[in-house]
């Protein structure tokens, strides 16, 4: 499995960004997709997840109501729409894939999001 995240950048507080993560190597629809983020010097934290056919999504409390995870199984791509961005959202964002009922992840390379105040 290979994951390629894109869409990061530098924005101002209150702006929006959409991250994308292209999946290849195996059947995309077999995997739960998740986004994590990491600030330098801190542990990687969960941001959002989406089940294989988009029935269920989950979000960290810190992003609930502002971020939306979605997927397009026909394009083998998962998205993270980030609205009302805050400086504390500044981090490297990683997409990850796992099989259901397992927590063995495949990781992408990360994309940097910087939110200035």
C-alpha atoms as a PDB file:
ATOM      1  CA  UNK A   1       0.000   0.000   0.000  1.00  0.00           C
ATOM      2  CA  UNK A   2       1.206   3.473  -0.902  1.00  0.00           C
ATOM      3  CA  UNK A   3      -0.355   6.701   0.318  1.00  0.00           C
ATOM      4  CA  UNK A   4       0.362  10.146  -1.109  1.00  0.00           C
ATOM      5  CA  UNK A   5      -1.010  13.129   0.797  1.00  0.00           C
ATOM      6  CA  UNK A   6      -1.295  16.576  -0.733  1.00  0.00           C
ATOM      7  CA  UNK A   7      -3.043  19.890  -0.303  1.00  0.00           C
ATOM      8  CA  UNK A   8      -1.206  21.387   2.629  1.00  0.00           C
ATOM      9  CA  UNK A   9      -0.129  24.983   2.702  1.00  0.00           C
ATOM     10  CA  UNK A  10      -0.057  28.206   4.651  1.00  0.00           C
ATOM     11  CA  UNK A  11      -3.341  29.941   5.343  1.00  0.00           C
ATOM     12  CA  UNK A  12      -4.751  32.478   7.753  1.00  0.00           C
ATOM     13  CA  UNK A  13      -7.010  31.734  10.678  1.00  0.00           C
ATOM     14  CA  UNK A  14     -10.576  31.250   9.495  1.00  0.00           C
ATOM     15  CA  UNK A  15      -9.574  29.986   6.062  1.00  0.00           C
ATOM     16  CA  UNK A  16     -10.220  26.554   4.585  1.00  0.00           C
ATOM     17  CA  UNK A  17      -8.064  23.849   3.057  1.00  0.00           C
ATOM     18  CA  UNK A  18      -8.803  20.477   1.550  1.00  0.00           C
ATOM     19  CA  UNK A  19      -6.286  17.700   1.933  1.00  0.00           C
ATOM     20  CA  UNK A  20      -6.255  14.718  -0.388  1.00  0.00           C
ATOM     21  CA  UNK A  21      -4.647  11.321  -0.025  1.00  0.00           C
ATOM     22  CA  UNK A  22      -4.249   9.050  -3.002  1.00  0.00           C
ATOM     23  CA  UNK A  23      -4.169   5.326  -2.228  1.00  0.00           C
ATOM     24  CA  UNK A  24      -2.615   2.630  -4.389  1.00  0.00           C
ATOM     25  CA  UNK A  25      -1.376  -0.904  -4.210  1.00  0.00           C
ATOM     26  CA  UNK A  26      -4.418  -2.753  -2.969  1.00  0.00           C
ATOM     27  CA  UNK A  27      -8.197  -2.506  -2.980  1.00  0.00           C
ATOM     28  CA  UNK A  28      -9.002   0.901  -1.505  1.00  0.00           C
ATOM     29  CA  UNK A  29     -12.502  -0.080  -0.475  1.00  0.00           C
ATOM     30  CA  UNK A  30     -11.075  -2.758   1.837  1.00  0.00           C
ATOM     31  CA  UNK A  31      -9.486  -0.179   4.108  1.00  0.00           C
ATOM     32  CA  UNK A  32     -10.631   2.163   6.819  1.00  0.00           C
ATOM     33  CA  UNK A  33      -9.021   5.530   6.159  1.00  0.00           C
ATOM     34  CA  UNK A  34      -7.876   7.950   8.818  1.00  0.00           C
ATOM     35  CA  UNK A  35      -6.158  11.289   9.201  1.00  0.00           C
ATOM     36  CA  UNK A  36      -3.694  12.074  11.955  1.00  0.00           C
ATOM     37  CA  UNK A  37      -1.612  15.125  12.682  1.00  0.00           C
ATOM     38  CA  UNK A  38       1.603  15.811  14.501  1.00  0.00           C
ATOM     39  CA  UNK A  39       3.212  18.918  15.871  1.00  0.00           C
ATOM     40  CA  UNK A  40       6.987  18.849  16.200  1.00  0.00           C
ATOM     41  CA  UNK A  41       7.885  17.507  19.617  1.00  0.00           C
ATOM     42  CA  UNK A  42       4.437  16.104  20.331  1.00  0.00           C
ATOM     43  CA  UNK A  43       2.798  12.768  19.767  1.00  0.00           C
ATOM     44  CA  UNK A  44       0.834  12.075  16.630  1.00  0.00           C
ATOM     45  CA  UNK A  45      -2.884  12.542  17.288  1.00  0.00           C
ATOM     46  CA  UNK A  46      -6.000  11.186  15.670  1.00  0.00           C
ATOM     47  CA  UNK A  47      -8.042  13.633  13.613  1.00  0.00           C
ATOM     48  CA  UNK A  48     -10.719  11.716  11.719  1.00  0.00           C
ATOM     49  CA  UNK A  49     -11.661   8.339  10.323  1.00  0.00           C
ATOM     50  CA  UNK A  50     -14.076   6.956   7.750  1.00  0.00           C
ATOM     51  CA  UNK A  51     -15.219   3.395   7.232  1.00  0.00           C
ATOM     52  CA  UNK A  52     -14.869   1.504   3.995  1.00  0.00           C
ATOM     53  CA  UNK A  53     -18.108   2.605   2.347  1.00  0.00           C
ATOM     54  CA  UNK A  54     -18.513   5.876   4.229  1.00  0.00           C
ATOM     55  CA  UNK A  55     -21.187   4.611   6.581  1.00  0.00           C
ATOM     56  CA  UNK A  56     -19.452   5.903   9.680  1.00  0.00           C
ATOM     57  CA  UNK A  57     -17.135   8.805  10.420  1.00  0.00           C
ATOM     58  CA  UNK A  58     -15.427   9.816  13.643  1.00  0.00           C
ATOM     59  CA  UNK A  59     -13.643  12.991  14.652  1.00  0.00           C
ATOM     60  CA  UNK A  60     -11.418  14.286  17.381  1.00  0.00           C
ATOM     61  CA  UNK A  61     -13.292  16.706  19.606  1.00  0.00           C
ATOM     62  CA  UNK A  62     -10.887  19.472  18.617  1.00  0.00           C
ATOM     63  CA  UNK A  63     -11.997  19.362  14.970  1.00  0.00           C
ATOM     64  CA  UNK A  64     -15.609  18.254  15.252  1.00  0.00           C
ATOM     65  CA  UNK A  65     -17.899  20.618  13.367  1.00  0.00           C
ATOM     66  CA  UNK A  66     -15.008  22.161  11.409  1.00  0.00           C
ATOM     67  CA  UNK A  67     -13.419  19.234   9.573  1.00  0.00           C
ATOM     68  CA  UNK A  68     -15.098  16.704   7.296  1.00  0.00           C
ATOM     69  CA  UNK A  69     -13.581  13.443   6.125  1.00  0.00           C
ATOM     70  CA  UNK A  70     -14.850  11.830   2.938  1.00  0.00           C
ATOM     71  CA  UNK A  71     -13.730   9.283   0.413  1.00  0.00           C
ATOM     72  CA  UNK A  72     -14.240   8.497  -3.240  1.00  0.00           C
ATOM     73  CA  UNK A  73     -13.760   4.789  -3.733  1.00  0.00           C
ATOM     74  CA  UNK A  74     -13.862   5.204  -7.518  1.00  0.00           C
ATOM     75  CA  UNK A  75     -10.776   7.432  -7.264  1.00  0.00           C
ATOM     76  CA  UNK A  76      -9.094   5.611  -4.369  1.00  0.00           C
ATOM     77  CA  UNK A  77      -8.817   8.917  -2.574  1.00  0.00           C
ATOM     78  CA  UNK A  78      -9.675  10.176   0.877  1.00  0.00           C
ATOM     79  CA  UNK A  79     -10.197  13.845   1.640  1.00  0.00           C
ATOM     80  CA  UNK A  80     -10.110  16.077   4.672  1.00  0.00           C
ATOM     81  CA  UNK A  81     -12.023  19.319   4.289  1.00  0.00           C
ATOM     82  CA  UNK A  82     -10.803  21.719   6.946  1.00  0.00           C
ATOM     83  CA  UNK A  83     -12.846  24.837   7.630  1.00  0.00           C
ATOM     84  CA  UNK A  84     -12.497  27.654  10.141  1.00  0.00           C
ATOM     85  CA  UNK A  85      -8.849  26.799  10.594  1.00  0.00           C
ATOM     86  CA  UNK A  86      -7.143  27.864  13.800  1.00  0.00           C
ATOM     87  CA  UNK A  87      -3.454  28.380  14.582  1.00  0.00           C
ATOM     88  CA  UNK A  88      -3.603  25.293  16.783  1.00  0.00           C
ATOM     89  CA  UNK A  89      -4.424  23.241  13.686  1.00  0.00           C
ATOM     90  CA  UNK A  90      -0.873  23.851  12.482  1.00  0.00           C
ATOM     91  CA  UNK A  91       0.749  20.438  12.063  1.00  0.00           C
ATOM     92  CA  UNK A  92       1.930  17.836   9.624  1.00  0.00           C
ATOM     93  CA  UNK A  93      -1.127  15.891   8.514  1.00  0.00           C
ATOM     94  CA  UNK A  94      -0.801  12.213   7.718  1.00  0.00           C
ATOM     95  CA  UNK A  95      -3.247   9.898   6.065  1.00  0.00           C
ATOM     96  CA  UNK A  96      -3.305   6.290   7.157  1.00  0.00           C
ATOM     97  CA  UNK A  97      -4.982   3.074   6.087  1.00  0.00           C
ATOM     98  CA  UNK A  98      -5.879   0.006   8.080  1.00  0.00           C
ATOM     99  CA  UNK A  99      -7.985  -3.096   7.640  1.00  0.00           C
ATOM    100  CA  UNK A 100     -11.150  -3.164   9.751  1.00  0.00           C
ATOM    101  CA  UNK A 101     -10.732  -4.595  13.256  1.00  0.00           C
ATOM    102  CA  UNK A 102      -6.972  -4.135  13.051  1.00  0.00           C
ATOM    103  CA  UNK A 103      -4.738  -1.271  14.100  1.00  0.00           C
ATOM    104  CA  UNK A 104      -1.774  -1.993  11.880  1.00  0.00           C
ATOM    105  CA  UNK A 105      -1.429   1.119   9.770  1.00  0.00           C
ATOM    106  CA  UNK A 106       0.043   2.031   6.438  1.00  0.00           C
ATOM    107  CA  UNK A 107       1.202   5.661   6.500  1.00  0.00           C
ATOM    108  CA  UNK A 108       1.574   8.399   3.943  1.00  0.00           C
ATOM    109  CA  UNK A 109       4.425  10.912   3.960  1.00  0.00           C
ATOM    110  CA  UNK A 110       2.540  13.842   5.474  1.00  0.00           C
ATOM    111  CA  UNK A 111       1.610  17.286   4.279  1.00  0.00           C
ATOM    112  CA  UNK A 112       2.287  20.459   6.252  1.00  0.00           C
ATOM    113  CA  UNK A 113      -0.542  22.786   7.223  1.00  0.00           C
ATOM    114  CA  UNK A 114       0.373  26.124   8.723  1.00  0.00           C
ATOM    115  CA  UNK A 115      -2.301  28.457  10.048  1.00  0.00           C
ATOM    116  CA  UNK A 116      -1.240  31.981  10.911  1.00  0.00           C
ATOM    117  CA  UNK A 117      -3.160  34.236  13.261  1.00  0.00           C
END
